[in-house]
Amino acid sequence: MRIFLAGTSVSSPEEEIKLQNLFKQGYKLHSYYHIPLFEEKWWKMNTKNKVRLFLDSGAFSALTQGVEINIQEYIAFIEKHIDIIDVYANLDFIGTIGKRPNKETAERTLKNQIIMESAGLNPLPVFHYGEPLSFLEYYVKNYSYVALGGTVGIPKVKQTPWFERCFSDYICDSNGYPKVKIHGFGLTSLKLMLRYPWYSVDSTSWVVTGRLGSIFVPIFKNGKWIYDENSWKISVSTQSPNLKEAGQHIDTLPPTQREIVLDYIHEKGYKLGKSEFRMELQTYKLQENEKWAQKKPKDKQEKRRVQKIIEPGISNTYQLRDEINIIYFLDVEKSMPEYPWAFQRQSRKGFF
């Protein structure tokens, strides 16, 4: 299974050689809508480095901002970069904010598929949660690679039966083997990744989790790191709100668990890091290895917290959290069974 890393680092790519190399080891998803907004530098660097790329239209993000993507401009962008993009998705039609995809959105999405194909392109067709399953049936019969989307924000109690029906009744044969390749948009649940025979998925978890001050750590059993079970998500940031909550931060874990987490961090070549904090007036000029550790107070006379990094590590440097989280997903990818594989159907009792 291919795991395309979606989202982008806010760091400068020229300064992040390790991050560049990690992207080259795996797969990267970029959003057409986001490229000119904040992904452009990393897009250019990843294309220069010949990273294996998936281009998504970013239609949902555009919708939330009241922007409609011009399909002809999207086509022109793909044509310009056709030699460096491994996969590009159809310009799917989402509908309106707050309203789930339906028959109308499915028809509009299929219309865009036909428009792009008429231009000589071969976009990945997209089927959304909420749309009539007859459209999924059509895609499975007529294409070799199909994307499932629209599940972000849907409770797992609704996601699971939908995925179950899609794979059981349309995607897989009677033995549970997929008849076509399937991509899962915005798939963050390891349980769902392991449950179904995906050809590829994408996830922003590596960067979102790091920004929230946490890292992924695989389960440790019988002297081995286990990647085919739900991992730990451990808060490590020196500024985490979980810092004082028992069992919610690396510093408040039971000693045995803390040692396991530290072993993983060190094994991957990273350090926890050390910092010192103090309060300074807002007129204070930051010195080397210092940064403001809180938002600027409204009162100009109020002091502001400063963090001095004594030793860089994942507790005080988000770029390092990005790196170790990418390494985690690269390891998850390596641990997956060889594609294609069969999944075991579940009873439909309680699902429908």
Protein backbone atom coordinates (compact mmCIF):
# COMPACT_ATOMS: atom_id res chain seq x y z
CA MET A 1 0.00 0.00 0.00
CA ARG A 2 1.22 3.47 -0.90
CA ILE A 3 0.77 6.18 1.73
CA PHE A 4 0.79 9.63 0.15
CA LEU A 5 1.76 12.28 2.70
CA ALA A 6 -0.75 15.12 2.34
CA GLY A 7 -0.39 18.59 3.86
CA THR A 8 2.80 20.59 3.92
CA SER A 9 5.54 21.71 6.26
CA VAL A 10 5.70 25.44 7.02
CA SER A 11 9.49 25.25 7.08
CA SER A 12 11.64 26.37 4.17
CA PRO A 13 12.53 23.39 1.92
CA GLU A 14 16.03 24.74 1.22
CA GLU A 15 16.82 24.43 4.93
CA GLU A 16 15.23 21.02 5.43
CA ILE A 17 17.54 18.55 3.69
CA LYS A 18 16.42 15.63 5.90
CA LEU A 19 12.77 16.36 5.13
CA GLN A 20 13.54 16.50 1.42
CA ASN A 21 15.19 13.09 1.59
CA LEU A 22 12.29 11.59 3.52
CA PHE A 23 9.80 12.77 0.90
CA LYS A 24 11.98 11.15 -1.77
CA GLN A 25 11.71 7.82 0.06
CA GLY A 26 7.93 7.80 -0.04
CA TYR A 27 4.96 9.42 -1.77
CA LYS A 28 3.62 12.97 -1.56
CA LEU A 29 0.20 14.48 -2.26
CA HIS A 30 -0.16 18.12 -3.24
CA SER A 31 -3.37 20.10 -3.61
CA TYR A 32 -3.79 22.14 -6.80
CA TYR A 33 -5.80 24.71 -4.86
CA HIS A 34 -3.16 25.00 -2.12
CA ILE A 35 -0.05 25.14 -4.32
CA PRO A 36 -0.18 28.91 -5.02
CA LEU A 37 -1.33 29.64 -1.45
CA PHE A 38 1.26 27.89 0.73
CA GLU A 39 2.51 24.70 -0.92
CA GLU A 40 4.38 26.28 -3.83
CA LYS A 41 7.91 26.09 -2.38
CA TRP A 42 7.57 22.45 -1.42
CA TRP A 43 5.81 21.65 -4.71
CA LYS A 44 8.75 23.06 -6.65
CA MET A 45 11.27 21.27 -4.44
CA ASN A 46 9.44 17.94 -4.67
CA THR A 47 9.14 18.19 -8.45
CA LYS A 48 12.84 19.06 -8.65
CA ASN A 49 13.68 16.04 -6.48
CA LYS A 50 11.43 13.80 -8.61
CA VAL A 51 9.29 12.77 -5.63
CA ARG A 52 6.43 10.44 -6.58
CA LEU A 53 3.48 12.84 -6.65
CA PHE A 54 -0.30 12.69 -6.39
CA LEU A 55 -2.14 15.85 -7.45
CA ASP A 56 -5.54 16.43 -5.88
CA SER A 57 -7.77 19.26 -7.08
CA GLY A 58 -8.40 20.61 -3.57
CA ALA A 59 -12.07 21.17 -4.46
CA PHE A 60 -13.29 20.76 -0.88
CA SER A 61 -10.80 23.30 0.52
CA ALA A 62 -11.73 25.71 -2.28
CA LEU A 63 -15.42 25.28 -1.46
CA THR A 64 -14.87 26.22 2.19
CA GLN A 65 -13.30 29.49 0.99
CA GLY A 66 -16.08 30.23 -1.48
CA VAL A 67 -13.82 29.55 -4.47
CA GLU A 68 -14.72 27.47 -7.53
CA ILE A 69 -11.84 25.81 -9.37
CA ASN A 70 -11.82 26.43 -13.10
CA ILE A 71 -11.58 23.04 -14.78
CA GLN A 72 -9.77 24.38 -17.86
CA GLU A 73 -7.10 25.96 -15.67
CA TYR A 74 -6.79 22.69 -13.73
CA ILE A 75 -6.39 20.79 -17.00
CA ALA A 76 -3.74 23.26 -18.21
CA PHE A 77 -1.78 22.86 -14.95
CA ILE A 78 -1.80 19.07 -15.28
CA GLU A 79 -0.73 19.23 -18.92
CA LYS A 80 2.17 21.49 -17.96
CA HIS A 81 3.38 19.05 -15.29
CA ILE A 82 2.18 15.77 -16.79
CA ASP A 83 5.68 14.26 -16.87
CA ILE A 84 6.28 14.71 -13.14
CA ILE A 85 2.88 13.73 -11.71
CA ASP A 86 2.31 10.04 -10.98
CA VAL A 87 -1.42 10.34 -10.24
CA TYR A 88 -3.89 13.18 -10.65
CA ALA A 89 -7.49 13.17 -9.49
CA ASN A 90 -10.60 14.33 -11.27
CA LEU A 91 -11.97 17.76 -10.34
CA ASP A 92 -14.72 16.40 -8.13
CA PHE A 93 -17.84 18.44 -7.50
CA ILE A 94 -18.56 18.72 -3.77
CA GLY A 95 -21.80 20.70 -3.77
CA THR A 96 -22.49 23.20 -1.01
CA ILE A 97 -21.06 23.63 2.48
CA GLY A 98 -22.97 21.66 5.09
CA LYS A 99 -24.64 19.41 2.51
CA ARG A 100 -23.37 15.93 1.83
CA PRO A 101 -22.66 14.73 -1.74
CA ASN A 102 -25.67 13.22 -3.52
CA LYS A 103 -26.84 12.17 -6.98
CA GLU A 104 -26.40 15.72 -8.33
CA THR A 105 -22.79 15.98 -7.14
CA ALA A 106 -22.06 12.51 -8.53
CA GLU A 107 -23.39 13.55 -11.94
CA ARG A 108 -21.40 16.78 -11.93
CA THR A 109 -18.24 14.91 -10.89
CA LEU A 110 -18.74 12.37 -13.70
CA LYS A 111 -19.27 15.24 -16.15
CA ASN A 112 -15.89 16.71 -15.10
CA GLN A 113 -14.33 13.27 -15.57
CA ILE A 114 -15.58 13.21 -19.15
CA ILE A 115 -14.38 16.79 -19.80
CA MET A 116 -10.88 15.96 -18.58
CA GLU A 117 -10.79 12.74 -20.59
CA SER A 118 -11.90 14.67 -23.69
CA ALA A 119 -8.80 16.83 -23.19
CA GLY A 120 -6.65 13.71 -23.45
CA LEU A 121 -6.12 13.20 -19.70
CA ASN A 122 -6.70 10.12 -17.54
CA PRO A 123 -7.77 11.47 -14.15
CA LEU A 124 -8.51 9.25 -11.18
CA PRO A 125 -12.33 9.07 -10.82
CA VAL A 126 -13.68 10.02 -7.40
CA PHE A 127 -16.70 8.55 -5.61
CA HIS A 128 -18.01 10.24 -2.44
CA TYR A 129 -19.75 9.09 0.69
CA GLY A 130 -23.45 9.88 0.25
CA GLU A 131 -23.59 9.42 -3.51
CA PRO A 132 -25.63 6.60 -5.12
CA LEU A 133 -23.64 3.38 -5.17
CA SER A 134 -24.57 2.92 -8.83
CA PHE A 135 -21.83 5.46 -9.62
CA LEU A 136 -19.25 3.35 -7.77
CA GLU A 137 -20.47 0.34 -9.73
CA TYR A 138 -19.94 2.29 -12.97
CA TYR A 139 -16.40 3.35 -11.99
CA VAL A 140 -15.40 -0.18 -10.94
CA LYS A 141 -16.61 -1.56 -14.27
CA ASN A 142 -14.93 1.08 -16.41
CA TYR A 143 -11.71 2.08 -14.61
CA SER A 144 -8.73 0.29 -13.10
CA TYR A 145 -8.07 2.83 -10.32
CA VAL A 146 -10.80 4.60 -8.32
CA ALA A 147 -10.77 6.96 -5.32
CA LEU A 148 -13.17 6.92 -2.38
CA GLY A 149 -13.64 10.27 -0.63
CA GLY A 150 -15.97 12.49 1.34
CA THR A 151 -15.56 10.59 4.61
CA VAL A 152 -13.65 13.29 6.51
CA GLY A 153 -15.87 14.40 9.38
CA ILE A 154 -18.13 11.35 9.11
CA PRO A 155 -18.34 9.39 12.41
CA LYS A 156 -16.62 6.01 12.29
CA VAL A 157 -19.92 4.30 13.14
CA LYS A 158 -21.13 5.49 9.72
CA GLN A 159 -17.82 5.23 7.86
CA THR A 160 -17.32 1.55 8.63
CA PRO A 161 -20.60 0.20 7.19
CA TRP A 162 -20.15 2.39 4.10
CA PHE A 163 -16.62 1.09 3.46
CA GLU A 164 -17.84 -2.42 4.21
CA ARG A 165 -20.56 -2.22 1.59
CA CYS A 166 -18.32 -0.54 -1.00
CA PHE A 167 -15.66 -3.23 -0.73
CA SER A 168 -17.97 -6.21 -0.22
CA ASP A 169 -20.57 -5.50 -2.90
CA TYR A 170 -18.68 -3.54 -5.56
CA ILE A 171 -14.90 -3.44 -5.26
CA CYS A 172 -13.92 -6.98 -4.28
CA ASP A 173 -14.67 -10.35 -5.79
CA SER A 174 -16.25 -13.29 -3.97
CA ASN A 175 -12.88 -14.16 -2.41
CA GLY A 176 -12.34 -10.65 -1.04
CA TYR A 177 -9.70 -9.60 -3.59
CA PRO A 178 -10.03 -6.11 -5.12
CA LYS A 179 -11.10 -6.05 -8.77
CA VAL A 180 -9.61 -2.55 -9.17
CA LYS A 181 -7.08 -0.39 -7.37
CA ILE A 182 -8.64 1.84 -4.70
CA HIS A 183 -7.32 5.10 -3.22
CA GLY A 184 -8.65 6.33 0.12
CA PHE A 185 -8.78 10.13 0.46
CA GLY A 186 -8.01 11.59 3.89
CA LEU A 187 -7.64 8.24 5.60
CA THR A 188 -6.17 8.76 9.08
CA SER A 189 -7.39 5.62 10.85
CA LEU A 190 -4.81 2.84 10.95
CA LYS A 191 -7.63 0.42 11.68
CA LEU A 192 -9.34 1.31 8.39
CA MET A 193 -6.02 1.17 6.53
CA LEU A 194 -5.50 -2.39 7.76
CA ARG A 195 -9.08 -3.52 7.30
CA TYR A 196 -9.40 -3.01 3.53
CA PRO A 197 -7.08 -3.85 0.60
CA TRP A 198 -6.23 -0.30 -0.43
CA TYR A 199 -3.79 0.27 -3.23
CA SER A 200 -3.08 3.77 -1.86
CA VAL A 201 -4.26 6.26 0.75
CA ASP A 202 -3.33 9.78 1.78
CA SER A 203 -3.16 11.40 5.19
CA THR A 204 -2.21 14.71 6.82
CA SER A 205 -1.67 13.02 10.20
CA TRP A 206 2.13 13.30 10.03
CA VAL A 207 2.06 17.11 9.98
CA VAL A 208 -1.13 17.76 11.99
CA THR A 209 0.01 15.53 14.85
CA GLY A 210 3.42 17.21 14.92
CA ARG A 211 1.89 20.70 15.03
CA LEU A 212 -0.18 19.61 18.00
CA GLY A 213 3.03 18.65 19.78
CA SER A 214 2.79 14.88 19.44
CA ILE A 215 4.47 11.97 17.67
CA PHE A 216 3.37 8.49 16.61
CA VAL A 217 4.99 5.56 18.40
CA PRO A 218 4.27 1.96 17.38
CA ILE A 219 3.25 -0.65 19.92
CA PHE A 220 6.20 -2.59 21.38
CA LYS A 221 5.67 -6.37 21.80
CA ASN A 222 8.09 -9.23 22.32
CA GLY A 223 11.07 -7.04 21.57
CA LYS A 224 9.64 -5.68 18.30
CA TRP A 225 7.87 -2.57 17.08
CA ILE A 226 4.40 -3.56 15.84
CA TYR A 227 2.97 -1.44 13.04
CA ASP A 228 -0.19 -3.41 12.24
CA GLU A 229 -1.97 -2.31 15.41
CA ASN A 230 -3.15 1.13 16.47
CA SER A 231 -0.15 3.17 17.55
CA TRP A 232 0.39 5.44 20.51
CA LYS A 233 0.09 9.17 19.92
CA ILE A 234 2.35 10.72 22.56
CA SER A 235 2.51 14.40 23.50
CA VAL A 236 6.15 15.49 23.68
CA SER A 237 6.12 19.27 23.26
CA THR A 238 7.46 21.41 26.08
CA GLN A 239 4.43 23.65 25.48
CA SER A 240 1.76 20.96 25.36
CA PRO A 241 -1.38 21.54 27.46
CA ASN A 242 -1.08 17.85 28.43
CA LEU A 243 2.23 18.50 30.18
CA LYS A 244 0.70 18.21 33.66
CA GLU A 245 -1.90 15.51 32.89
CA ALA A 246 -0.95 12.07 34.19
CA GLY A 247 -0.38 9.63 31.33
CA GLN A 248 -1.01 12.29 28.66
CA HIS A 249 2.57 13.46 28.08
CA ILE A 250 5.92 11.71 27.84
CA ASP A 251 6.95 13.34 31.11
CA THR A 252 3.86 11.99 32.92
CA LEU A 253 3.92 8.44 31.55
CA PRO A 254 4.67 5.53 33.89
CA PRO A 255 8.47 4.96 33.94
CA THR A 256 8.35 1.73 31.92
CA GLN A 257 6.23 3.28 29.15
CA ARG A 258 8.37 6.40 29.10
CA GLU A 259 11.49 4.31 28.56
CA ILE A 260 9.85 2.48 25.65
CA VAL A 261 8.96 5.79 24.00
CA LEU A 262 12.46 7.16 24.56
CA ASP A 263 13.95 3.96 23.10
CA TYR A 264 11.89 4.49 19.95
CA ILE A 265 12.91 8.15 19.68
CA HIS A 266 16.61 7.32 20.10
CA GLU A 267 16.42 4.31 17.77
CA LYS A 268 15.13 6.59 15.01
CA GLY A 269 18.06 8.95 15.57
CA TYR A 270 16.34 11.74 17.52
CA LYS A 271 16.55 13.30 20.95
CA LEU A 272 13.83 14.55 23.25
CA GLY A 273 15.61 17.89 23.61
CA LYS A 274 16.01 20.38 26.47
CA SER A 275 14.68 23.90 26.95
CA GLU A 276 14.66 26.66 29.51
CA PHE A 277 11.90 29.22 29.94
CA ARG A 278 11.78 32.73 31.38
CA MET A 279 9.67 35.87 31.13
CA GLU A 280 10.86 38.96 29.25
CA LEU A 281 9.42 42.34 28.30
CA GLN A 282 7.99 42.49 24.80
CA THR A 283 10.76 44.87 23.79
CA TYR A 284 13.31 42.10 24.41
CA LYS A 285 15.34 41.08 21.34
CA LEU A 286 15.53 37.32 20.91
CA GLN A 287 19.01 35.84 21.01
CA GLU A 288 20.34 32.79 19.17
CA ASN A 289 18.37 29.59 19.93
CA GLU A 290 15.53 31.60 21.48
CA LYS A 291 11.91 32.01 20.42
CA TRP A 292 8.71 33.41 21.87
CA ALA A 293 6.79 30.63 23.62
CA GLN A 294 3.41 32.36 23.82
CA LYS A 295 1.26 34.74 21.83
CA LYS A 296 1.93 38.44 22.15
CA PRO A 297 -0.08 39.85 25.09
CA LYS A 298 -2.40 42.78 24.38
CA ASP A 299 -0.96 44.73 27.29
CA LYS A 300 2.42 46.10 26.10
CA GLN A 301 3.69 46.18 29.69
CA GLU A 302 2.96 42.51 30.24
CA LYS A 303 5.91 40.14 30.00
CA ARG A 304 6.06 37.37 27.45
CA ARG A 305 7.41 33.82 27.82
CA VAL A 306 10.69 33.04 26.05
CA GLN A 307 11.99 29.57 25.27
CA LYS A 308 15.72 29.00 25.05
CA ILE A 309 16.62 25.77 23.28
CA ILE A 310 19.52 24.15 25.10
CA GLU A 311 19.43 20.98 23.02
CA PRO A 312 17.24 20.70 19.88
CA GLY A 313 14.86 17.76 19.91
CA ILE A 314 11.31 16.69 19.19
CA SER A 315 10.07 18.43 22.34
CA ASN A 316 11.06 21.90 21.13
CA THR A 317 11.44 21.70 17.33
CA TYR A 318 8.37 20.95 15.18
CA GLN A 319 10.51 20.19 12.11
CA LEU A 320 11.97 17.20 13.96
CA ARG A 321 8.47 16.02 14.88
CA ASP A 322 7.57 16.22 11.18
CA GLU A 323 10.56 14.03 10.37
CA ILE A 324 9.97 11.32 12.95
CA ASN A 325 6.27 11.16 12.04
CA ILE A 326 7.12 10.71 8.36
CA ILE A 327 9.51 7.91 9.34
CA TYR A 328 6.65 6.28 11.24
CA PHE A 329 4.41 6.30 8.14
CA LEU A 330 7.23 5.00 5.95
CA ASP A 331 7.58 2.10 8.39
CA VAL A 332 3.81 1.52 8.41
CA GLU A 333 3.89 1.34 4.62
CA LYS A 334 6.70 -1.24 4.68
CA SER A 335 4.81 -3.38 7.19
CA MET A 336 1.64 -3.65 5.07
CA PRO A 337 0.87 -6.96 3.32
CA GLU A 338 1.83 -7.14 -0.33
CA TYR A 339 -0.91 -5.86 -2.64
CA PRO A 340 -3.35 -7.31 -3.57
CA TRP A 341 -4.67 -9.17 -0.56
CA ALA A 342 -8.12 -10.36 0.46
CA PHE A 343 -10.15 -9.01 3.34
CA GLN A 344 -12.59 -10.94 5.50
CA ARG A 345 -16.17 -9.80 5.09
CA GLN A 346 -18.07 -8.92 8.22
CA SER A 347 -21.65 -9.79 9.01
CA ARG A 348 -24.05 -7.04 8.01
CA LYS A 349 -26.01 -7.37 11.22
CA GLY A 350 -26.45 -3.93 12.68
CA PHE A 351 -24.83 -2.23 9.67
CA PHE A 352 -27.90 -1.52 7.53
